[in-house]
Amino acid sequence: MKKIFLLFIVLSTLSISYAEKPPAEKARGLFISFGVGPRLPINYFSNSSDLGYGFNVEFSYTDNEYLPFFLFTKIGYEQFPGSQDFYKITDYTNFSTTAIPINLGIRYYFAPLLENVVLFMPVVEVSAAYMYLQKLNEFKPTANKANYTETTSKIGISGGVGISMFMMEIIATYNFFQTNQFIGIDLRIRLPLFISY
């Protein structure tokens, strides 16, 4: 707990130091970020799956001399357990979905809402996505069905909104893949790999 509190203090201090020069407007460079959070299946996907979790690693780049936004690429890991209600009405004893999404997109940081104490910037992002899926299908012995693992891949899109202190942010994303739509909420920590002004 002390380590998390210390990390929060350090990141808040870094965010304050950027208050006079908002990174999205002044900085150019390469950044890495790590995100983690819950995943909520919706629509058809929610009929068979419950609340899951996911984490990701992202690389982003900006150069304000040429770009008014950040370019990013992200790879993640998502895990969705089967729904208990789904088990009750089917022959399944276990159904789970594991996904590896890869996103390529753009992110835009708006002018800070608050910058006297801590830098708070609204942020939006949109990306194209590819997702590799693996579905585990296990059945009741009385069903006389063989267990199997299904693998497939899908193309989709993702859009998100959030609030950022730049070094730390919370973003909610809507991820659309046919029959596998979900909402993700990520707490992200961003670290610079290279920065120049």
C-alpha atoms as a PDB file:
ATOM      1  CA  MET A   1       0.000   0.000   0.000  1.00  0.00           C
ATOM      2  CA  LYS A   2       2.872   2.370   0.826  1.00  0.00           C
ATOM      3  CA  LYS A   3       4.449   1.670  -2.580  1.00  0.00           C
ATOM      4  CA  ILE A   4       1.194   2.488  -4.394  1.00  0.00           C
ATOM      5  CA  PHE A   5       0.813   5.704  -2.397  1.00  0.00           C
ATOM      6  CA  LEU A   6       4.440   6.683  -3.147  1.00  0.00           C
ATOM      7  CA  LEU A   7       3.907   5.974  -6.860  1.00  0.00           C
ATOM      8  CA  PHE A   8       0.766   8.142  -6.836  1.00  0.00           C
ATOM      9  CA  ILE A   9       2.691  11.034  -5.199  1.00  0.00           C
ATOM     10  CA  VAL A  10       5.512  10.785  -7.746  1.00  0.00           C
ATOM     11  CA  LEU A  11       3.115  10.680 -10.712  1.00  0.00           C
ATOM     12  CA  SER A  12       1.069  13.581  -9.317  1.00  0.00           C
ATOM     13  CA  THR A  13       4.256  15.614  -8.907  1.00  0.00           C
ATOM     14  CA  LEU A  14       5.244  14.886 -12.500  1.00  0.00           C
ATOM     15  CA  SER A  15       1.765  15.897 -13.660  1.00  0.00           C
ATOM     16  CA  ILE A  16       2.041  19.193 -11.765  1.00  0.00           C
ATOM     17  CA  SER A  17       5.402  19.868 -13.374  1.00  0.00           C
ATOM     18  CA  TYR A  18       3.734  19.579 -16.797  1.00  0.00           C
ATOM     19  CA  ALA A  19       1.039  22.126 -15.889  1.00  0.00           C
ATOM     20  CA  GLU A  20       2.874  25.030 -17.547  1.00  0.00           C
ATOM     21  CA  LYS A  21       3.639  22.983 -20.667  1.00  0.00           C
ATOM     22  CA  PRO A  22       0.826  20.464 -21.335  1.00  0.00           C
ATOM     23  CA  PRO A  23       2.563  17.419 -22.891  1.00  0.00           C
ATOM     24  CA  ALA A  24      -0.039  16.984 -25.612  1.00  0.00           C
ATOM     25  CA  GLU A  25       0.713  20.510 -26.853  1.00  0.00           C
ATOM     26  CA  LYS A  26       4.443  20.929 -26.189  1.00  0.00           C
ATOM     27  CA  ALA A  27       6.182  17.569 -25.935  1.00  0.00           C
ATOM     28  CA  ARG A  28       7.315  15.334 -28.717  1.00  0.00           C
ATOM     29  CA  GLY A  29       8.518  11.850 -28.088  1.00  0.00           C
ATOM     30  CA  LEU A  30       7.855   8.194 -27.499  1.00  0.00           C
ATOM     31  CA  PHE A  31       5.945   6.851 -24.472  1.00  0.00           C
ATOM     32  CA  ILE A  32       5.065   3.466 -23.001  1.00  0.00           C
ATOM     33  CA  SER A  33       2.008   2.859 -20.849  1.00  0.00           C
ATOM     34  CA  PHE A  34       0.553  -0.026 -18.890  1.00  0.00           C
ATOM     35  CA  GLY A  35      -3.196  -0.422 -18.343  1.00  0.00           C
ATOM     36  CA  VAL A  36      -5.349  -2.750 -16.277  1.00  0.00           C
ATOM     37  CA  GLY A  37      -9.041  -2.943 -15.442  1.00  0.00           C
ATOM     38  CA  PRO A  38     -12.412  -4.708 -15.684  1.00  0.00           C
ATOM     39  CA  ARG A  39     -14.103  -5.812 -18.906  1.00  0.00           C
ATOM     40  CA  LEU A  40     -17.908  -5.859 -19.199  1.00  0.00           C
ATOM     41  CA  PRO A  41     -19.385  -7.981 -22.030  1.00  0.00           C
ATOM     42  CA  ILE A  42     -22.457  -6.444 -23.677  1.00  0.00           C
ATOM     43  CA  ASN A  43     -25.196  -7.420 -26.161  1.00  0.00           C
ATOM     44  CA  TYR A  44     -24.899 -10.995 -27.498  1.00  0.00           C
ATOM     45  CA  PHE A  45     -21.577 -11.557 -25.700  1.00  0.00           C
ATOM     46  CA  SER A  46     -23.200 -10.926 -22.285  1.00  0.00           C
ATOM     47  CA  ASN A  47     -25.584 -13.883 -22.799  1.00  0.00           C
ATOM     48  CA  SER A  48     -22.741 -16.346 -22.263  1.00  0.00           C
ATOM     49  CA  SER A  49     -20.025 -14.386 -20.425  1.00  0.00           C
ATOM     50  CA  ASP A  50     -19.608 -12.546 -17.125  1.00  0.00           C
ATOM     51  CA  LEU A  51     -17.474  -9.596 -16.039  1.00  0.00           C
ATOM     52  CA  GLY A  52     -13.846 -10.219 -16.915  1.00  0.00           C
ATOM     53  CA  TYR A  53     -10.519  -8.461 -16.673  1.00  0.00           C
ATOM     54  CA  GLY A  54      -7.756  -7.313 -18.960  1.00  0.00           C
ATOM     55  CA  PHE A  55      -4.405  -5.614 -19.154  1.00  0.00           C
ATOM     56  CA  ASN A  56      -2.367  -4.070 -21.956  1.00  0.00           C
ATOM     57  CA  VAL A  57       0.898  -2.473 -22.999  1.00  0.00           C
ATOM     58  CA  GLU A  58       0.894   0.545 -25.284  1.00  0.00           C
ATOM     59  CA  PHE A  59       3.450   2.556 -27.234  1.00  0.00           C
ATOM     60  CA  SER A  60       2.499   6.090 -28.290  1.00  0.00           C
ATOM     61  CA  TYR A  61       4.228   8.825 -30.257  1.00  0.00           C
ATOM     62  CA  THR A  62       3.646  12.517 -30.890  1.00  0.00           C
ATOM     63  CA  ASP A  63       5.444  15.401 -32.552  1.00  0.00           C
ATOM     64  CA  ASN A  64       3.473  18.623 -32.109  1.00  0.00           C
ATOM     65  CA  GLU A  65       5.301  20.235 -35.007  1.00  0.00           C
ATOM     66  CA  TYR A  66       3.467  17.864 -37.372  1.00  0.00           C
ATOM     67  CA  LEU A  67       0.736  16.098 -35.361  1.00  0.00           C
ATOM     68  CA  PRO A  68      -2.021  17.589 -33.167  1.00  0.00           C
ATOM     69  CA  PHE A  69      -2.607  14.136 -31.634  1.00  0.00           C
ATOM     70  CA  PHE A  70      -0.864  10.995 -30.413  1.00  0.00           C
ATOM     71  CA  LEU A  71      -0.447   7.853 -32.536  1.00  0.00           C
ATOM     72  CA  PHE A  72      -0.561   4.615 -30.560  1.00  0.00           C
ATOM     73  CA  THR A  73      -0.371   0.867 -30.881  1.00  0.00           C
ATOM     74  CA  LYS A  74      -1.505  -1.437 -28.095  1.00  0.00           C
ATOM     75  CA  ILE A  75      -1.531  -5.149 -27.375  1.00  0.00           C
ATOM     76  CA  GLY A  76      -3.612  -6.631 -24.579  1.00  0.00           C
ATOM     77  CA  TYR A  77      -4.896  -9.747 -22.879  1.00  0.00           C
ATOM     78  CA  GLU A  78      -8.600 -10.151 -21.981  1.00  0.00           C
ATOM     79  CA  GLN A  79     -10.235 -12.970 -19.994  1.00  0.00           C
ATOM     80  CA  PHE A  80     -14.014 -13.539 -19.726  1.00  0.00           C
ATOM     81  CA  PRO A  81     -15.462 -16.361 -17.579  1.00  0.00           C
ATOM     82  CA  GLY A  82     -18.728 -18.043 -18.459  1.00  0.00           C
ATOM     83  CA  SER A  83     -22.017 -16.833 -17.008  1.00  0.00           C
ATOM     84  CA  GLN A  84     -23.712 -18.945 -14.312  1.00  0.00           C
ATOM     85  CA  ASP A  85     -27.092 -18.250 -15.950  1.00  0.00           C
ATOM     86  CA  PHE A  86     -25.674 -19.572 -19.228  1.00  0.00           C
ATOM     87  CA  TYR A  87     -24.643 -22.823 -17.513  1.00  0.00           C
ATOM     88  CA  LYS A  88     -28.155 -23.306 -16.092  1.00  0.00           C
ATOM     89  CA  ILE A  89     -29.887 -23.245 -19.482  1.00  0.00           C
ATOM     90  CA  THR A  90     -27.267 -25.108 -21.532  1.00  0.00           C
ATOM     91  CA  ASP A  91     -25.190 -28.299 -21.414  1.00  0.00           C
ATOM     92  CA  TYR A  92     -22.031 -26.348 -20.563  1.00  0.00           C
ATOM     93  CA  THR A  93     -20.034 -26.864 -17.374  1.00  0.00           C
ATOM     94  CA  ASN A  94     -17.328 -24.405 -18.407  1.00  0.00           C
ATOM     95  CA  PHE A  95     -17.197 -21.710 -21.053  1.00  0.00           C
ATOM     96  CA  SER A  96     -14.516 -19.045 -21.131  1.00  0.00           C
ATOM     97  CA  THR A  97     -13.162 -16.608 -23.683  1.00  0.00           C
ATOM     98  CA  THR A  98      -9.560 -15.474 -23.880  1.00  0.00           C
ATOM     99  CA  ALA A  99      -8.706 -12.650 -26.259  1.00  0.00           C
ATOM    100  CA  ILE A 100      -5.553 -10.921 -27.458  1.00  0.00           C
ATOM    101  CA  PRO A 101      -6.506  -7.586 -29.055  1.00  0.00           C
ATOM    102  CA  ILE A 102      -4.099  -5.435 -31.057  1.00  0.00           C
ATOM    103  CA  ASN A 103      -5.086  -1.802 -31.650  1.00  0.00           C
ATOM    104  CA  LEU A 104      -3.712   0.927 -33.892  1.00  0.00           C
ATOM    105  CA  GLY A 105      -5.185   4.393 -33.405  1.00  0.00           C
ATOM    106  CA  ILE A 106      -5.041   8.063 -32.493  1.00  0.00           C
ATOM    107  CA  ARG A 107      -5.599   9.901 -29.194  1.00  0.00           C
ATOM    108  CA  TYR A 108      -6.360  13.574 -28.657  1.00  0.00           C
ATOM    109  CA  TYR A 109      -5.841  15.524 -25.433  1.00  0.00           C
ATOM    110  CA  PHE A 110      -8.038  18.579 -24.935  1.00  0.00           C
ATOM    111  CA  ALA A 111      -7.014  21.726 -23.073  1.00  0.00           C
ATOM    112  CA  PRO A 112      -6.750  21.126 -19.300  1.00  0.00           C
ATOM    113  CA  LEU A 113      -9.895  21.547 -17.215  1.00  0.00           C
ATOM    114  CA  LEU A 114      -7.779  22.164 -14.133  1.00  0.00           C
ATOM    115  CA  GLU A 115      -4.094  22.960 -14.025  1.00  0.00           C
ATOM    116  CA  ASN A 116      -3.405  24.980 -10.859  1.00  0.00           C
ATOM    117  CA  VAL A 117      -2.951  21.995  -8.549  1.00  0.00           C
ATOM    118  CA  VAL A 118      -3.030  18.889 -10.755  1.00  0.00           C
ATOM    119  CA  LEU A 119      -3.225  18.742 -14.541  1.00  0.00           C
ATOM    120  CA  PHE A 120      -6.580  17.219 -15.655  1.00  0.00           C
ATOM    121  CA  MET A 121      -7.159  16.859 -19.401  1.00  0.00           C
ATOM    122  CA  PRO A 122     -10.159  15.277 -21.169  1.00  0.00           C
ATOM    123  CA  VAL A 123      -8.991  12.703 -23.696  1.00  0.00           C
ATOM    124  CA  VAL A 124     -10.626  10.832 -26.593  1.00  0.00           C
ATOM    125  CA  GLU A 125      -9.277   7.994 -28.692  1.00  0.00           C
ATOM    126  CA  VAL A 126     -10.317   5.854 -31.629  1.00  0.00           C
ATOM    127  CA  SER A 127      -8.595   2.805 -33.105  1.00  0.00           C
ATOM    128  CA  ALA A 128      -8.860  -0.058 -35.547  1.00  0.00           C
ATOM    129  CA  ALA A 129      -8.516  -3.435 -33.853  1.00  0.00           C
ATOM    130  CA  TYR A 130      -7.654  -7.041 -34.562  1.00  0.00           C
ATOM    131  CA  MET A 131      -8.553  -9.663 -31.956  1.00  0.00           C
ATOM    132  CA  TYR A 132      -7.431 -13.269 -31.657  1.00  0.00           C
ATOM    133  CA  LEU A 133     -10.004 -15.315 -29.695  1.00  0.00           C
ATOM    134  CA  GLN A 134      -9.843 -18.666 -27.977  1.00  0.00           C
ATOM    135  CA  LYS A 135     -13.045 -20.149 -26.546  1.00  0.00           C
ATOM    136  CA  LEU A 136     -13.014 -23.105 -24.161  1.00  0.00           C
ATOM    137  CA  ASN A 137     -16.118 -25.312 -24.449  1.00  0.00           C
ATOM    138  CA  GLU A 138     -16.661 -28.003 -21.782  1.00  0.00           C
ATOM    139  CA  PHE A 139     -19.933 -29.934 -21.406  1.00  0.00           C
ATOM    140  CA  LYS A 140     -21.778 -31.972 -18.794  1.00  0.00           C
ATOM    141  CA  PRO A 141     -21.084 -35.748 -18.960  1.00  0.00           C
ATOM    142  CA  THR A 142     -24.783 -36.354 -19.661  1.00  0.00           C
ATOM    143  CA  ALA A 143     -24.646 -34.161 -22.767  1.00  0.00           C
ATOM    144  CA  ASN A 144     -22.616 -36.748 -24.728  1.00  0.00           C
ATOM    145  CA  LYS A 145     -20.627 -33.948 -26.365  1.00  0.00           C
ATOM    146  CA  ALA A 146     -16.873 -33.751 -26.787  1.00  0.00           C
ATOM    147  CA  ASN A 147     -15.076 -30.832 -25.170  1.00  0.00           C
ATOM    148  CA  TYR A 148     -13.200 -28.592 -27.577  1.00  0.00           C
ATOM    149  CA  THR A 149     -11.347 -25.314 -27.914  1.00  0.00           C
ATOM    150  CA  GLU A 150     -12.396 -22.933 -30.671  1.00  0.00           C
ATOM    151  CA  THR A 151      -9.979 -20.370 -32.103  1.00  0.00           C
ATOM    152  CA  THR A 152     -10.902 -17.485 -34.368  1.00  0.00           C
ATOM    153  CA  SER A 153      -9.934 -13.911 -35.171  1.00  0.00           C
ATOM    154  CA  LYS A 154     -11.983 -10.774 -35.756  1.00  0.00           C
ATOM    155  CA  ILE A 155     -11.561  -7.225 -37.020  1.00  0.00           C
ATOM    156  CA  GLY A 156     -13.245  -4.413 -35.142  1.00  0.00           C
ATOM    157  CA  ILE A 157     -13.078  -0.856 -33.855  1.00  0.00           C
ATOM    158  CA  SER A 158     -12.647   0.776 -30.480  1.00  0.00           C
ATOM    159  CA  GLY A 159     -13.456   4.239 -29.134  1.00  0.00           C
ATOM    160  CA  GLY A 160     -12.773   5.717 -25.724  1.00  0.00           C
ATOM    161  CA  VAL A 161     -13.100   8.761 -23.480  1.00  0.00           C
ATOM    162  CA  GLY A 162     -11.441   9.581 -20.203  1.00  0.00           C
ATOM    163  CA  ILE A 163      -9.593  11.980 -17.970  1.00  0.00           C
ATOM    164  CA  SER A 164      -5.826  12.248 -17.900  1.00  0.00           C
ATOM    165  CA  MET A 165      -3.041  13.659 -15.764  1.00  0.00           C
ATOM    166  CA  PHE A 166      -0.905  12.511 -18.693  1.00  0.00           C
ATOM    167  CA  MET A 167       1.365  10.289 -16.597  1.00  0.00           C
ATOM    168  CA  MET A 168      -1.734   8.581 -15.190  1.00  0.00           C
ATOM    169  CA  GLU A 169      -5.231   8.342 -16.678  1.00  0.00           C
ATOM    170  CA  ILE A 170      -8.552   6.539 -16.533  1.00  0.00           C
ATOM    171  CA  ILE A 171     -10.197   5.685 -19.863  1.00  0.00           C
ATOM    172  CA  ALA A 172     -13.426   3.845 -20.697  1.00  0.00           C
ATOM    173  CA  THR A 173     -13.509   2.186 -24.125  1.00  0.00           C
ATOM    174  CA  TYR A 174     -16.250   0.607 -26.219  1.00  0.00           C
ATOM    175  CA  ASN A 175     -14.861  -2.313 -28.223  1.00  0.00           C
ATOM    176  CA  PHE A 176     -16.916  -3.552 -31.159  1.00  0.00           C
ATOM    177  CA  PHE A 177     -16.274  -7.008 -32.586  1.00  0.00           C
ATOM    178  CA  GLN A 178     -19.092  -9.008 -34.141  1.00  0.00           C
ATOM    179  CA  THR A 179     -20.706 -11.107 -31.330  1.00  0.00           C
ATOM    180  CA  ASN A 180     -17.920 -10.057 -28.920  1.00  0.00           C
ATOM    181  CA  GLN A 181     -18.626  -6.475 -27.851  1.00  0.00           C
ATOM    182  CA  PHE A 182     -17.398  -5.240 -24.488  1.00  0.00           C
ATOM    183  CA  ILE A 183     -16.693  -2.120 -22.447  1.00  0.00           C
ATOM    184  CA  GLY A 184     -13.283  -1.822 -20.828  1.00  0.00           C
ATOM    185  CA  ILE A 185     -12.161   0.553 -18.094  1.00  0.00           C
ATOM    186  CA  ASP A 186      -8.416   1.028 -17.758  1.00  0.00           C
ATOM    187  CA  LEU A 187      -6.212   2.707 -15.197  1.00  0.00           C
ATOM    188  CA  ARG A 188      -3.081   3.558 -17.170  1.00  0.00           C
ATOM    189  CA  ILE A 189       0.376   4.553 -16.068  1.00  0.00           C
ATOM    190  CA  ARG A 190       2.461   6.294 -18.756  1.00  0.00           C
ATOM    191  CA  LEU A 191       6.242   6.580 -18.787  1.00  0.00           C
ATOM    192  CA  PRO A 192       8.429   8.489 -21.271  1.00  0.00           C
ATOM    193  CA  LEU A 193      10.934   6.553 -23.342  1.00  0.00           C
ATOM    194  CA  PHE A 194      12.151   9.645 -25.180  1.00  0.00           C
ATOM    195  CA  ILE A 195      11.048  13.306 -24.925  1.00  0.00           C
ATOM    196  CA  SER A 196      12.272  16.528 -26.528  1.00  0.00           C
ATOM    197  CA  TYR A 197      10.853  20.080 -26.458  1.00  0.00           C
END
